[in-house]
C-alpha cells in the first residue's frame, strides 16, 4: 500500500494515491511536543527524526517555508519497518540541513473531507556534548530530549520510568553521541507484554542495547533509498534479549547480533522469565588494545531484586572493518 508520492503544487501537498482512508477527517499529530531540539548533546547521527501519526491520503512537509516535500505513510496493520503501525510517519531531517537556532517544520495532510496541518519548531545547537559518565534519572527529566534523541516510536516518562507506547518495529531511544567508543551501560527494565504477532519485516521481539549505533543507513541494493531510511547496519553490535517469532511465550534467549551482517549467537534462554518483573541489564563494548578492528561485547541480565552478578552471560569478540 506504500506508494511514492508526486507533487501537487497548488495546495502544497503530495499525492499518495489510493492510500489512507479518504472518507475520514484529515488529522496530524506530532509526537514529543511542538518545541524540540537537536545538537545540544553532540553529534549522535546524521538525522533529526520528527515523528507522529496522520490520517488522510495526501501528505507533505516543508522546512522554514521551503518547497513542500512528500513523506511516506503506510496504512498496513504493521506499517512498514520503522513506520511501526498504520498512519505513522517519521521524517529523516538531515541535521546539516537545519540552520542554527529555530527551524519551523510544517506538516500538511488532506482527505476527501478536510485538510489539517501542524507546526513544530526544532532548535539546532551547533555545539554540545553528552559526557561520560552519563546518568539519566527518568523521574527528573522534563523533556526526553534533555537526555537523548528520539529515533523511532512514541516515548514518554510515567511514574519515573521510560515507556515506549507500543512494542512495534524498531522503537529506538538514542543516548550519547558518536564520540563514545568504549563504555558500559546499566539500567533496569520491565517487560509488560510480549506481542503474540509481529509484522512481516520483524524477526521477533527483542529488548536491549545497540552499542555504537550511528544512525540508519542507505547502502543499495540491500538498504535502498527510503523515507525514513531503514538500513540498520553497520553498527557496533546488538546485545539483547530475543523472543522467538514462532513461540513468543517461550523464555527469551540472551543474544549477540553482529554489527556488519545478519549473524547472531545465543547464550541460552533466560530461564523463568516473567512479564511484569524488573530485570537488571548491563552491556559493554571494549576495543582490543592489540587490534582496533576487534571489540569485545559483554552482556548480563538478572532479576532486579537480587544483587548484580560479577560474571557475564556472554563475552564475544567481534573483528570487523565496518562494524
C-alpha atoms as a PDB file:
ATOM      1  CA  UNK A   1       0.000   0.000   0.000  1.00  0.00           C
ATOM      2  CA  UNK A   2       3.044   2.298   0.134  1.00  0.00           C
ATOM      3  CA  UNK A   3       3.468   4.353  -2.998  1.00  0.00           C
ATOM      4  CA  UNK A   4       5.850   7.106  -3.955  1.00  0.00           C
ATOM      5  CA  UNK A   5       4.210  10.496  -3.689  1.00  0.00           C
ATOM      6  CA  UNK A   6       4.103  13.027  -6.507  1.00  0.00           C
ATOM      7  CA  UNK A   7       3.985  16.789  -6.263  1.00  0.00           C
ATOM      8  CA  UNK A   8       0.636  18.585  -6.128  1.00  0.00           C
ATOM      9  CA  UNK A   9       1.893  22.145  -6.094  1.00  0.00           C
ATOM     10  CA  UNK A  10      -1.269  24.273  -5.874  1.00  0.00           C
ATOM     11  CA  UNK A  11      -2.134  23.138  -2.358  1.00  0.00           C
ATOM     12  CA  UNK A  12       1.385  22.420  -1.058  1.00  0.00           C
ATOM     13  CA  UNK A  13       0.623  18.725  -0.794  1.00  0.00           C
ATOM     14  CA  UNK A  14       1.887  15.477  -2.235  1.00  0.00           C
ATOM     15  CA  UNK A  15      -0.392  12.867  -3.724  1.00  0.00           C
ATOM     16  CA  UNK A  16      -0.232   9.395  -2.207  1.00  0.00           C
ATOM     17  CA  UNK A  17      -2.698   7.670  -4.470  1.00  0.00           C
ATOM     18  CA  UNK A  18      -5.307   5.274  -3.033  1.00  0.00           C
ATOM     19  CA  UNK A  19      -3.715   5.163   0.419  1.00  0.00           C
ATOM     20  CA  UNK A  20      -5.280   6.056   3.713  1.00  0.00           C
ATOM     21  CA  UNK A  21      -8.940   6.455   4.485  1.00  0.00           C
ATOM     22  CA  UNK A  22     -10.210   9.419   2.441  1.00  0.00           C
ATOM     23  CA  UNK A  23     -13.681   9.288   3.975  1.00  0.00           C
ATOM     24  CA  UNK A  24     -12.277  10.108   7.441  1.00  0.00           C
ATOM     25  CA  UNK A  25     -11.327  13.644   8.520  1.00  0.00           C
ATOM     26  CA  UNK A  26      -7.721  14.621   7.926  1.00  0.00           C
ATOM     27  CA  UNK A  27      -5.594  14.729  11.071  1.00  0.00           C
ATOM     28  CA  UNK A  28      -1.940  15.122  12.013  1.00  0.00           C
ATOM     29  CA  UNK A  29      -0.355  14.583  15.418  1.00  0.00           C
ATOM     30  CA  UNK A  30       3.326  15.291  16.094  1.00  0.00           C
ATOM     31  CA  UNK A  31       4.794  13.281  18.935  1.00  0.00           C
ATOM     32  CA  UNK A  32       7.011  14.724  21.672  1.00  0.00           C
ATOM     33  CA  UNK A  33       5.761  18.275  21.554  1.00  0.00           C
ATOM     34  CA  UNK A  34       5.713  21.435  19.405  1.00  0.00           C
ATOM     35  CA  UNK A  35       9.199  22.538  20.541  1.00  0.00           C
ATOM     36  CA  UNK A  36      12.084  20.112  20.060  1.00  0.00           C
ATOM     37  CA  UNK A  37      15.883  20.332  19.760  1.00  0.00           C
ATOM     38  CA  UNK A  38      18.966  18.632  18.400  1.00  0.00           C
ATOM     39  CA  UNK A  39      22.742  19.006  18.723  1.00  0.00           C
ATOM     40  CA  UNK A  40      22.864  20.039  22.374  1.00  0.00           C
ATOM     41  CA  UNK A  41      24.103  16.550  23.307  1.00  0.00           C
ATOM     42  CA  UNK A  42      26.632  16.361  20.486  1.00  0.00           C
ATOM     43  CA  UNK A  43      26.748  14.570  17.144  1.00  0.00           C
ATOM     44  CA  UNK A  44      24.666  11.410  17.553  1.00  0.00           C
ATOM     45  CA  UNK A  45      23.512  10.635  13.987  1.00  0.00           C
ATOM     46  CA  UNK A  46      23.076  12.358  10.637  1.00  0.00           C
ATOM     47  CA  UNK A  47      19.338  12.928  11.022  1.00  0.00           C
ATOM     48  CA  UNK A  48      16.856  14.503  13.356  1.00  0.00           C
ATOM     49  CA  UNK A  49      13.667  12.437  13.493  1.00  0.00           C
ATOM     50  CA  UNK A  50      10.266  14.093  13.639  1.00  0.00           C
ATOM     51  CA  UNK A  51       7.545  11.526  14.267  1.00  0.00           C
ATOM     52  CA  UNK A  52       3.840  11.245  14.666  1.00  0.00           C
ATOM     53  CA  UNK A  53       0.605   9.928  13.208  1.00  0.00           C
ATOM     54  CA  UNK A  54      -1.659  11.162  10.413  1.00  0.00           C
ATOM     55  CA  UNK A  55      -4.881  10.397   8.654  1.00  0.00           C
ATOM     56  CA  UNK A  56      -5.699  11.325   5.097  1.00  0.00           C
ATOM     57  CA  UNK A  57      -4.461  10.389   1.647  1.00  0.00           C
ATOM     58  CA  UNK A  58      -2.190  13.330   0.746  1.00  0.00           C
ATOM     59  CA  UNK A  59       0.878  14.253   2.822  1.00  0.00           C
ATOM     60  CA  UNK A  60       3.694  16.805   2.650  1.00  0.00           C
ATOM     61  CA  UNK A  61       6.043  18.812   4.844  1.00  0.00           C
ATOM     62  CA  UNK A  62       8.154  21.948   4.479  1.00  0.00           C
ATOM     63  CA  UNK A  63      11.191  23.290   6.337  1.00  0.00           C
ATOM     64  CA  UNK A  64      11.491  27.018   7.069  1.00  0.00           C
ATOM     65  CA  UNK A  65       8.936  27.910   4.426  1.00  0.00           C
ATOM     66  CA  UNK A  66      10.663  25.975   1.659  1.00  0.00           C
ATOM     67  CA  UNK A  67       9.106  23.929  -1.087  1.00  0.00           C
ATOM     68  CA  UNK A  68       6.809  21.117   0.075  1.00  0.00           C
ATOM     69  CA  UNK A  69       8.220  17.614   0.065  1.00  0.00           C
ATOM     70  CA  UNK A  70       6.338  14.321   0.187  1.00  0.00           C
ATOM     71  CA  UNK A  71       6.635  11.920   3.070  1.00  0.00           C
ATOM     72  CA  UNK A  72       5.747   8.260   3.318  1.00  0.00           C
ATOM     73  CA  UNK A  73       2.815   6.839   5.254  1.00  0.00           C
ATOM     74  CA  UNK A  74       1.617   3.237   5.280  1.00  0.00           C
ATOM     75  CA  UNK A  75      -1.830   2.090   6.303  1.00  0.00           C
ATOM     76  CA  UNK A  76      -0.991  -1.579   6.568  1.00  0.00           C
ATOM     77  CA  UNK A  77      -1.562  -3.151  10.003  1.00  0.00           C
ATOM     78  CA  UNK A  78       2.148  -3.053  10.880  1.00  0.00           C
ATOM     79  CA  UNK A  79       3.044  -0.046   8.766  1.00  0.00           C
ATOM     80  CA  UNK A  80       6.362  -0.572   7.020  1.00  0.00           C
ATOM     81  CA  UNK A  81       9.525  -1.238   9.041  1.00  0.00           C
ATOM     82  CA  UNK A  82      10.250   1.933  11.073  1.00  0.00           C
ATOM     83  CA  UNK A  83       6.681   3.080  10.416  1.00  0.00           C
ATOM     84  CA  UNK A  84       5.530   0.694  13.098  1.00  0.00           C
ATOM     85  CA  UNK A  85       1.752   0.927  12.647  1.00  0.00           C
ATOM     86  CA  UNK A  86      -0.899   2.286  10.316  1.00  0.00           C
ATOM     87  CA  UNK A  87      -0.715   6.040   9.857  1.00  0.00           C
ATOM     88  CA  UNK A  88       2.708   6.536  11.421  1.00  0.00           C
ATOM     89  CA  UNK A  89       5.284   8.867   9.879  1.00  0.00           C
ATOM     90  CA  UNK A  90       8.962   9.505  10.613  1.00  0.00           C
ATOM     91  CA  UNK A  91      10.797  12.320   8.849  1.00  0.00           C
ATOM     92  CA  UNK A  92      14.560  11.907   8.464  1.00  0.00           C
ATOM     93  CA  UNK A  93      15.623  15.564   8.578  1.00  0.00           C
ATOM     94  CA  UNK A  94      19.378  15.888   7.912  1.00  0.00           C
ATOM     95  CA  UNK A  95      20.849  17.813  10.812  1.00  0.00           C
ATOM     96  CA  UNK A  96      23.278  19.519   8.434  1.00  0.00           C
ATOM     97  CA  UNK A  97      20.311  20.994   6.535  1.00  0.00           C
ATOM     98  CA  UNK A  98      18.932  22.733   9.614  1.00  0.00           C
ATOM     99  CA  UNK A  99      20.099  26.243  10.380  1.00  0.00           C
ATOM    100  CA  UNK A 100      21.445  27.249  13.771  1.00  0.00           C
ATOM    101  CA  UNK A 101      18.595  28.248  16.047  1.00  0.00           C
ATOM    102  CA  UNK A 102      14.911  27.707  15.339  1.00  0.00           C
ATOM    103  CA  UNK A 103      13.686  25.731  12.328  1.00  0.00           C
ATOM    104  CA  UNK A 104       9.969  25.644  11.545  1.00  0.00           C
ATOM    105  CA  UNK A 105       8.659  22.313  10.262  1.00  0.00           C
ATOM    106  CA  UNK A 106       5.136  22.386   8.806  1.00  0.00           C
ATOM    107  CA  UNK A 107       3.175  19.223   8.036  1.00  0.00           C
ATOM    108  CA  UNK A 108       0.085  19.058   5.846  1.00  0.00           C
ATOM    109  CA  UNK A 109      -2.457  16.338   5.193  1.00  0.00           C
ATOM    110  CA  UNK A 110      -5.725  16.207   3.271  1.00  0.00           C
ATOM    111  CA  UNK A 111      -8.542  13.708   2.912  1.00  0.00           C
ATOM    112  CA  UNK A 112     -11.655  13.817   0.753  1.00  0.00           C
ATOM    113  CA  UNK A 113     -13.437  15.597   3.604  1.00  0.00           C
ATOM    114  CA  UNK A 114     -10.932  18.063   5.078  1.00  0.00           C
ATOM    115  CA  UNK A 115      -7.392  19.357   5.493  1.00  0.00           C
ATOM    116  CA  UNK A 116      -5.147  19.518   8.563  1.00  0.00           C
ATOM    117  CA  UNK A 117      -1.730  20.857   9.452  1.00  0.00           C
ATOM    118  CA  UNK A 118       0.704  21.044  12.362  1.00  0.00           C
ATOM    119  CA  UNK A 119       3.805  23.099  13.108  1.00  0.00           C
ATOM    120  CA  UNK A 120       6.843  22.078  15.136  1.00  0.00           C
ATOM    121  CA  UNK A 121       9.897  24.204  15.937  1.00  0.00           C
ATOM    122  CA  UNK A 122      13.217  22.362  16.054  1.00  0.00           C
ATOM    123  CA  UNK A 123      16.112  24.281  17.616  1.00  0.00           C
ATOM    124  CA  UNK A 124      19.517  23.264  16.278  1.00  0.00           C
ATOM    125  CA  UNK A 125      22.561  23.719  18.507  1.00  0.00           C
ATOM    126  CA  UNK A 126      25.926  23.876  16.775  1.00  0.00           C
ATOM    127  CA  UNK A 127      27.837  22.792  19.866  1.00  0.00           C
ATOM    128  CA  UNK A 128      27.018  20.346  22.623  1.00  0.00           C
ATOM    129  CA  UNK A 129      28.163  17.149  24.263  1.00  0.00           C
ATOM    130  CA  UNK A 130      26.953  14.235  26.342  1.00  0.00           C
ATOM    131  CA  UNK A 131      29.948  13.466  28.514  1.00  0.00           C
ATOM    132  CA  UNK A 132      30.814  10.184  30.189  1.00  0.00           C
ATOM    133  CA  UNK A 133      29.924   9.155  32.828  1.00  0.00           C
ATOM    134  CA  UNK A 134      26.309   9.903  31.908  1.00  0.00           C
ATOM    135  CA  UNK A 135      23.207   9.286  34.028  1.00  0.00           C
ATOM    136  CA  UNK A 136      19.539   9.581  33.056  1.00  0.00           C
ATOM    137  CA  UNK A 137      17.141   9.801  36.007  1.00  0.00           C
ATOM    138  CA  UNK A 138      13.818   9.473  34.236  1.00  0.00           C
ATOM    139  CA  UNK A 139      11.744  10.910  37.073  1.00  0.00           C
ATOM    140  CA  UNK A 140      13.724  14.157  36.849  1.00  0.00           C
ATOM    141  CA  UNK A 141      13.581  14.571  33.070  1.00  0.00           C
ATOM    142  CA  UNK A 142      11.451  17.488  31.861  1.00  0.00           C
ATOM    143  CA  UNK A 143      11.712  16.569  28.162  1.00  0.00           C
ATOM    144  CA  UNK A 144      13.181  13.361  26.779  1.00  0.00           C
ATOM    145  CA  UNK A 145      15.500  15.375  24.568  1.00  0.00           C
ATOM    146  CA  UNK A 146      17.207  16.588  27.745  1.00  0.00           C
ATOM    147  CA  UNK A 147      18.953  13.217  27.895  1.00  0.00           C
ATOM    148  CA  UNK A 148      18.731  11.632  24.437  1.00  0.00           C
ATOM    149  CA  UNK A 149      17.460  11.641  20.877  1.00  0.00           C
ATOM    150  CA  UNK A 150      14.152  10.142  19.793  1.00  0.00           C
ATOM    151  CA  UNK A 151      14.809   7.984  16.743  1.00  0.00           C
ATOM    152  CA  UNK A 152      11.751   5.742  16.425  1.00  0.00           C
ATOM    153  CA  UNK A 153       8.454   5.469  18.238  1.00  0.00           C
ATOM    154  CA  UNK A 154       6.307   7.366  20.697  1.00  0.00           C
ATOM    155  CA  UNK A 155       8.039   7.610  24.082  1.00  0.00           C
ATOM    156  CA  UNK A 156       7.005   9.067  27.419  1.00  0.00           C
ATOM    157  CA  UNK A 157       8.020   9.117  31.071  1.00  0.00           C
ATOM    158  CA  UNK A 158       5.390   7.953  33.560  1.00  0.00           C
ATOM    159  CA  UNK A 159       5.826   7.112  37.255  1.00  0.00           C
ATOM    160  CA  UNK A 160       9.540   7.770  36.957  1.00  0.00           C
ATOM    161  CA  UNK A 161      10.255   5.290  34.155  1.00  0.00           C
ATOM    162  CA  UNK A 162      10.671   5.472  30.383  1.00  0.00           C
ATOM    163  CA  UNK A 163       7.947   3.805  28.298  1.00  0.00           C
ATOM    164  CA  UNK A 164       7.625   3.004  24.625  1.00  0.00           C
ATOM    165  CA  UNK A 165       3.986   3.219  23.598  1.00  0.00           C
ATOM    166  CA  UNK A 166       3.666   0.011  21.664  1.00  0.00           C
ATOM    167  CA  UNK A 167       6.090  -2.866  21.103  1.00  0.00           C
ATOM    168  CA  UNK A 168       6.494  -2.211  17.389  1.00  0.00           C
ATOM    169  CA  UNK A 169       9.267  -2.453  14.817  1.00  0.00           C
ATOM    170  CA  UNK A 170      12.479  -0.709  15.974  1.00  0.00           C
ATOM    171  CA  UNK A 171      11.458   1.547  18.845  1.00  0.00           C
ATOM    172  CA  UNK A 172      14.769   3.356  19.435  1.00  0.00           C
ATOM    173  CA  UNK A 173      15.840   5.928  22.017  1.00  0.00           C
ATOM    174  CA  UNK A 174      19.404   7.150  21.432  1.00  0.00           C
ATOM    175  CA  UNK A 175      21.692   8.115  24.295  1.00  0.00           C
ATOM    176  CA  UNK A 176      25.163   9.605  23.837  1.00  0.00           C
ATOM    177  CA  UNK A 177      26.971  10.559  20.653  1.00  0.00           C
ATOM    178  CA  UNK A 178      29.436   9.265  18.094  1.00  0.00           C
ATOM    179  CA  UNK A 179      32.444  10.259  20.180  1.00  0.00           C
ATOM    180  CA  UNK A 180      31.620   7.464  22.636  1.00  0.00           C
ATOM    181  CA  UNK A 181      33.703   4.373  21.928  1.00  0.00           C
ATOM    182  CA  UNK A 182      34.316   2.111  24.929  1.00  0.00           C
ATOM    183  CA  UNK A 183      31.679   2.168  27.663  1.00  0.00           C
ATOM    184  CA  UNK A 184      29.380   0.203  29.950  1.00  0.00           C
ATOM    185  CA  UNK A 185      25.636   0.848  30.280  1.00  0.00           C
ATOM    186  CA  UNK A 186      23.350  -0.361  33.073  1.00  0.00           C
ATOM    187  CA  UNK A 187      19.622   0.009  33.649  1.00  0.00           C
ATOM    188  CA  UNK A 188      16.557  -1.870  34.861  1.00  0.00           C
ATOM    189  CA  UNK A 189      13.756  -2.944  32.534  1.00  0.00           C
ATOM    190  CA  UNK A 190      10.239  -4.291  32.854  1.00  0.00           C
ATOM    191  CA  UNK A 191       8.553  -6.159  30.008  1.00  0.00           C
ATOM    192  CA  UNK A 192       4.797  -5.698  30.394  1.00  0.00           C
ATOM    193  CA  UNK A 193       3.767  -7.754  27.386  1.00  0.00           C
ATOM    194  CA  UNK A 194       5.371  -9.698  24.545  1.00  0.00           C
ATOM    195  CA  UNK A 195       3.403  -9.336  21.295  1.00  0.00           C
ATOM    196  CA  UNK A 196       1.905 -12.563  20.071  1.00  0.00           C
ATOM    197  CA  UNK A 197       2.217 -11.367  16.490  1.00  0.00           C
ATOM    198  CA  UNK A 198       4.982  -9.415  14.749  1.00  0.00           C
ATOM    199  CA  UNK A 199       4.920  -7.709  11.399  1.00  0.00           C
ATOM    200  CA  UNK A 200       6.286  -9.384   8.244  1.00  0.00           C
ATOM    201  CA  UNK A 201       9.581  -7.459   8.404  1.00  0.00           C
ATOM    202  CA  UNK A 202      10.273  -8.351  12.040  1.00  0.00           C
ATOM    203  CA  UNK A 203      12.381 -11.311  13.111  1.00  0.00           C
ATOM    204  CA  UNK A 204      10.733 -11.483  16.529  1.00  0.00           C
ATOM    205  CA  UNK A 205      10.606  -9.224  19.586  1.00  0.00           C
ATOM    206  CA  UNK A 206      13.784  -8.012  21.257  1.00  0.00           C
ATOM    207  CA  UNK A 207      14.828  -5.724  24.093  1.00  0.00           C
ATOM    208  CA  UNK A 208      18.295  -4.436  24.851  1.00  0.00           C
ATOM    209  CA  UNK A 209      21.091  -2.189  23.630  1.00  0.00           C
ATOM    210  CA  UNK A 210      22.503  -1.335  20.229  1.00  0.00           C
ATOM    211  CA  UNK A 211      26.073  -0.366  21.061  1.00  0.00           C
ATOM    212  CA  UNK A 212      27.931   2.147  18.853  1.00  0.00           C
ATOM    213  CA  UNK A 213      24.814   2.987  16.875  1.00  0.00           C
ATOM    214  CA  UNK A 214      25.387   5.868  14.457  1.00  0.00           C
ATOM    215  CA  UNK A 215      22.075   6.152  12.631  1.00  0.00           C
ATOM    216  CA  UNK A 216      20.223   4.402   9.834  1.00  0.00           C
ATOM    217  CA  UNK A 217      21.971   3.837   6.523  1.00  0.00           C
ATOM    218  CA  UNK A 218      21.438   3.722   2.769  1.00  0.00           C
ATOM    219  CA  UNK A 219      23.659   1.128   1.062  1.00  0.00           C
ATOM    220  CA  UNK A 220      21.970  -0.182  -2.111  1.00  0.00           C
ATOM    221  CA  UNK A 221      20.932  -2.732  -3.116  1.00  0.00           C
ATOM    222  CA  UNK A 222      20.480  -4.180   0.384  1.00  0.00           C
ATOM    223  CA  UNK A 223      19.321  -0.936   2.010  1.00  0.00           C
ATOM    224  CA  UNK A 224      17.725   1.208  -0.725  1.00  0.00           C
ATOM    225  CA  UNK A 225      16.748   4.858  -0.523  1.00  0.00           C
ATOM    226  CA  UNK A 226      13.655   5.324   1.628  1.00  0.00           C
ATOM    227  CA  UNK A 227      11.876   7.902   3.790  1.00  0.00           C
ATOM    228  CA  UNK A 228      12.550   7.068   6.503  1.00  0.00           C
ATOM    229  CA  UNK A 229      15.771   5.166   5.867  1.00  0.00           C
ATOM    230  CA  UNK A 230      15.642   1.635   7.244  1.00  0.00           C
ATOM    231  CA  UNK A 231      19.163   0.308   6.761  1.00  0.00           C
ATOM    232  CA  UNK A 232      20.298  -0.954  10.175  1.00  0.00           C
ATOM    233  CA  UNK A 233      23.948  -1.796   9.508  1.00  0.00           C
ATOM    234  CA  UNK A 234      26.753  -1.147  10.010  1.00  0.00           C
ATOM    235  CA  UNK A 235      26.608  -0.622  13.751  1.00  0.00           C
ATOM    236  CA  UNK A 236      28.701  -1.941  16.628  1.00  0.00           C
ATOM    237  CA  UNK A 237      26.613  -4.876  17.804  1.00  0.00           C
ATOM    238  CA  UNK A 238      23.260  -5.616  19.413  1.00  0.00           C
ATOM    239  CA  UNK A 239      23.230  -7.100  22.920  1.00  0.00           C
ATOM    240  CA  UNK A 240      19.723  -8.058  23.918  1.00  0.00           C
ATOM    241  CA  UNK A 241      17.004 -10.463  24.924  1.00  0.00           C
ATOM    242  CA  UNK A 242      15.347 -12.054  21.891  1.00  0.00           C
ATOM    243  CA  UNK A 243      11.983 -13.812  21.737  1.00  0.00           C
ATOM    244  CA  UNK A 244      11.033 -16.440  19.187  1.00  0.00           C
ATOM    245  CA  UNK A 245       8.699 -15.144  16.497  1.00  0.00           C
ATOM    246  CA  UNK A 246       7.091 -18.576  16.237  1.00  0.00           C
ATOM    247  CA  UNK A 247       6.805 -19.108  20.020  1.00  0.00           C
ATOM    248  CA  UNK A 248       6.726 -15.719  21.787  1.00  0.00           C
ATOM    249  CA  UNK A 249       5.591 -17.278  25.064  1.00  0.00           C
ATOM    250  CA  UNK A 250       8.913 -19.129  25.426  1.00  0.00           C
ATOM    251  CA  UNK A 251      11.697 -17.672  27.577  1.00  0.00           C
ATOM    252  CA  UNK A 252      13.838 -15.159  25.649  1.00  0.00           C
ATOM    253  CA  UNK A 253      17.420 -16.003  24.752  1.00  0.00           C
ATOM    254  CA  UNK A 254      20.385 -13.775  25.568  1.00  0.00           C
ATOM    255  CA  UNK A 255      21.637 -12.947  22.106  1.00  0.00           C
ATOM    256  CA  UNK A 256      24.607 -11.257  20.429  1.00  0.00           C
ATOM    257  CA  UNK A 257      23.865  -9.858  16.961  1.00  0.00           C
ATOM    258  CA  UNK A 258      26.776  -8.812  14.774  1.00  0.00           C
ATOM    259  CA  UNK A 259      27.068  -5.259  13.524  1.00  0.00           C
ATOM    260  CA  UNK A 260      28.208  -5.964   9.975  1.00  0.00           C
ATOM    261  CA  UNK A 261      25.986  -8.831   8.807  1.00  0.00           C
ATOM    262  CA  UNK A 262      22.942 -10.848   9.841  1.00  0.00           C
ATOM    263  CA  UNK A 263      24.612 -13.330  12.134  1.00  0.00           C
ATOM    264  CA  UNK A 264      23.847 -13.998  15.781  1.00  0.00           C
ATOM    265  CA  UNK A 265      24.929 -16.167  18.698  1.00  0.00           C
ATOM    266  CA  UNK A 266      22.694 -17.248  21.563  1.00  0.00           C
ATOM    267  CA  UNK A 267      23.834 -17.731  25.142  1.00  0.00           C
ATOM    268  CA  UNK A 268      20.821 -19.791  26.187  1.00  0.00           C
ATOM    269  CA  UNK A 269      17.382 -18.780  27.465  1.00  0.00           C
ATOM    270  CA  UNK A 270      16.750 -16.539  30.460  1.00  0.00           C
ATOM    271  CA  UNK A 271      15.044 -19.343  32.355  1.00  0.00           C
ATOM    272  CA  UNK A 272      11.898 -18.482  34.285  1.00  0.00           C
ATOM    273  CA  UNK A 273      11.452 -15.076  32.662  1.00  0.00           C
ATOM    274  CA  UNK A 274       8.298 -13.327  33.858  1.00  0.00           C
ATOM    275  CA  UNK A 275       6.456 -10.389  32.323  1.00  0.00           C
ATOM    276  CA  UNK A 276       5.770  -7.640  34.841  1.00  0.00           C
ATOM    277  CA  UNK A 277       9.013  -8.326  36.740  1.00  0.00           C
ATOM    278  CA  UNK A 278      12.011  -5.993  36.835  1.00  0.00           C
ATOM    279  CA  UNK A 279      15.353  -7.123  35.463  1.00  0.00           C
ATOM    280  CA  UNK A 280      18.750  -5.529  35.555  1.00  0.00           C
ATOM    281  CA  UNK A 281      20.685  -5.429  32.323  1.00  0.00           C
ATOM    282  CA  UNK A 282      24.294  -4.401  31.729  1.00  0.00           C
ATOM    283  CA  UNK A 283      26.229  -4.370  28.470  1.00  0.00           C
ATOM    284  CA  UNK A 284      29.620  -3.089  27.447  1.00  0.00           C
ATOM    285  CA  UNK A 285      31.950  -2.730  24.477  1.00  0.00           C
ATOM    286  CA  UNK A 286      35.741  -2.629  24.838  1.00  0.00           C
ATOM    287  CA  UNK A 287      38.223  -2.248  21.984  1.00  0.00           C
ATOM    288  CA  UNK A 288      41.170  -4.638  21.926  1.00  0.00           C
ATOM    289  CA  UNK A 289      44.443  -2.886  22.831  1.00  0.00           C
ATOM    290  CA  UNK A 290      46.163  -5.011  20.181  1.00  0.00           C
ATOM    291  CA  UNK A 291      43.736  -4.635  17.285  1.00  0.00           C
ATOM    292  CA  UNK A 292      41.479  -1.585  16.771  1.00  0.00           C
ATOM    293  CA  UNK A 293      39.209  -3.663  14.498  1.00  0.00           C
ATOM    294  CA  UNK A 294      38.405  -6.087  17.336  1.00  0.00           C
ATOM    295  CA  UNK A 295      35.905  -5.332  20.098  1.00  0.00           C
ATOM    296  CA  UNK A 296      34.678  -7.474  22.973  1.00  0.00           C
ATOM    297  CA  UNK A 297      30.953  -7.241  23.683  1.00  0.00           C
ATOM    298  CA  UNK A 298      29.519  -8.400  27.001  1.00  0.00           C
ATOM    299  CA  UNK A 299      26.006  -8.808  28.413  1.00  0.00           C
ATOM    300  CA  UNK A 300      24.416  -9.883  31.668  1.00  0.00           C
ATOM    301  CA  UNK A 301      20.768  -9.935  32.744  1.00  0.00           C
ATOM    302  CA  UNK A 302      19.483 -10.735  36.231  1.00  0.00           C
ATOM    303  CA  UNK A 303      16.349 -10.338  38.395  1.00  0.00           C
ATOM    304  CA  UNK A 304      16.484  -6.788  39.776  1.00  0.00           C
ATOM    305  CA  UNK A 305      15.537  -7.930  43.302  1.00  0.00           C
ATOM    306  CA  UNK A 306      18.978  -9.537  43.512  1.00  0.00           C
ATOM    307  CA  UNK A 307      22.460  -8.035  43.542  1.00  0.00           C
ATOM    308  CA  UNK A 308      24.120  -7.590  40.177  1.00  0.00           C
ATOM    309  CA  UNK A 309      26.366 -10.580  39.491  1.00  0.00           C
ATOM    310  CA  UNK A 310      30.033 -10.192  38.631  1.00  0.00           C
ATOM    311  CA  UNK A 311      30.144 -12.645  35.730  1.00  0.00           C
ATOM    312  CA  UNK A 312      28.823 -12.185  32.213  1.00  0.00           C
ATOM    313  CA  UNK A 313      26.172 -14.136  30.341  1.00  0.00           C
ATOM    314  CA  UNK A 314      28.486 -13.909  27.353  1.00  0.00           C
ATOM    315  CA  UNK A 315      31.729 -12.288  26.214  1.00  0.00           C
ATOM    316  CA  UNK A 316      32.132 -12.270  22.440  1.00  0.00           C
ATOM    317  CA  UNK A 317      34.942 -10.878  20.323  1.00  0.00           C
ATOM    318  CA  UNK A 318      33.977  -9.329  17.003  1.00  0.00           C
ATOM    319  CA  UNK A 319      36.558  -8.407  14.390  1.00  0.00           C
ATOM    320  CA  UNK A 320      35.243  -6.219  11.602  1.00  0.00           C
ATOM    321  CA  UNK A 321      36.444  -3.423   9.341  1.00  0.00           C
ATOM    322  CA  UNK A 322      32.976  -1.890   9.182  1.00  0.00           C
ATOM    323  CA  UNK A 323      31.092  -2.666  12.404  1.00  0.00           C
END
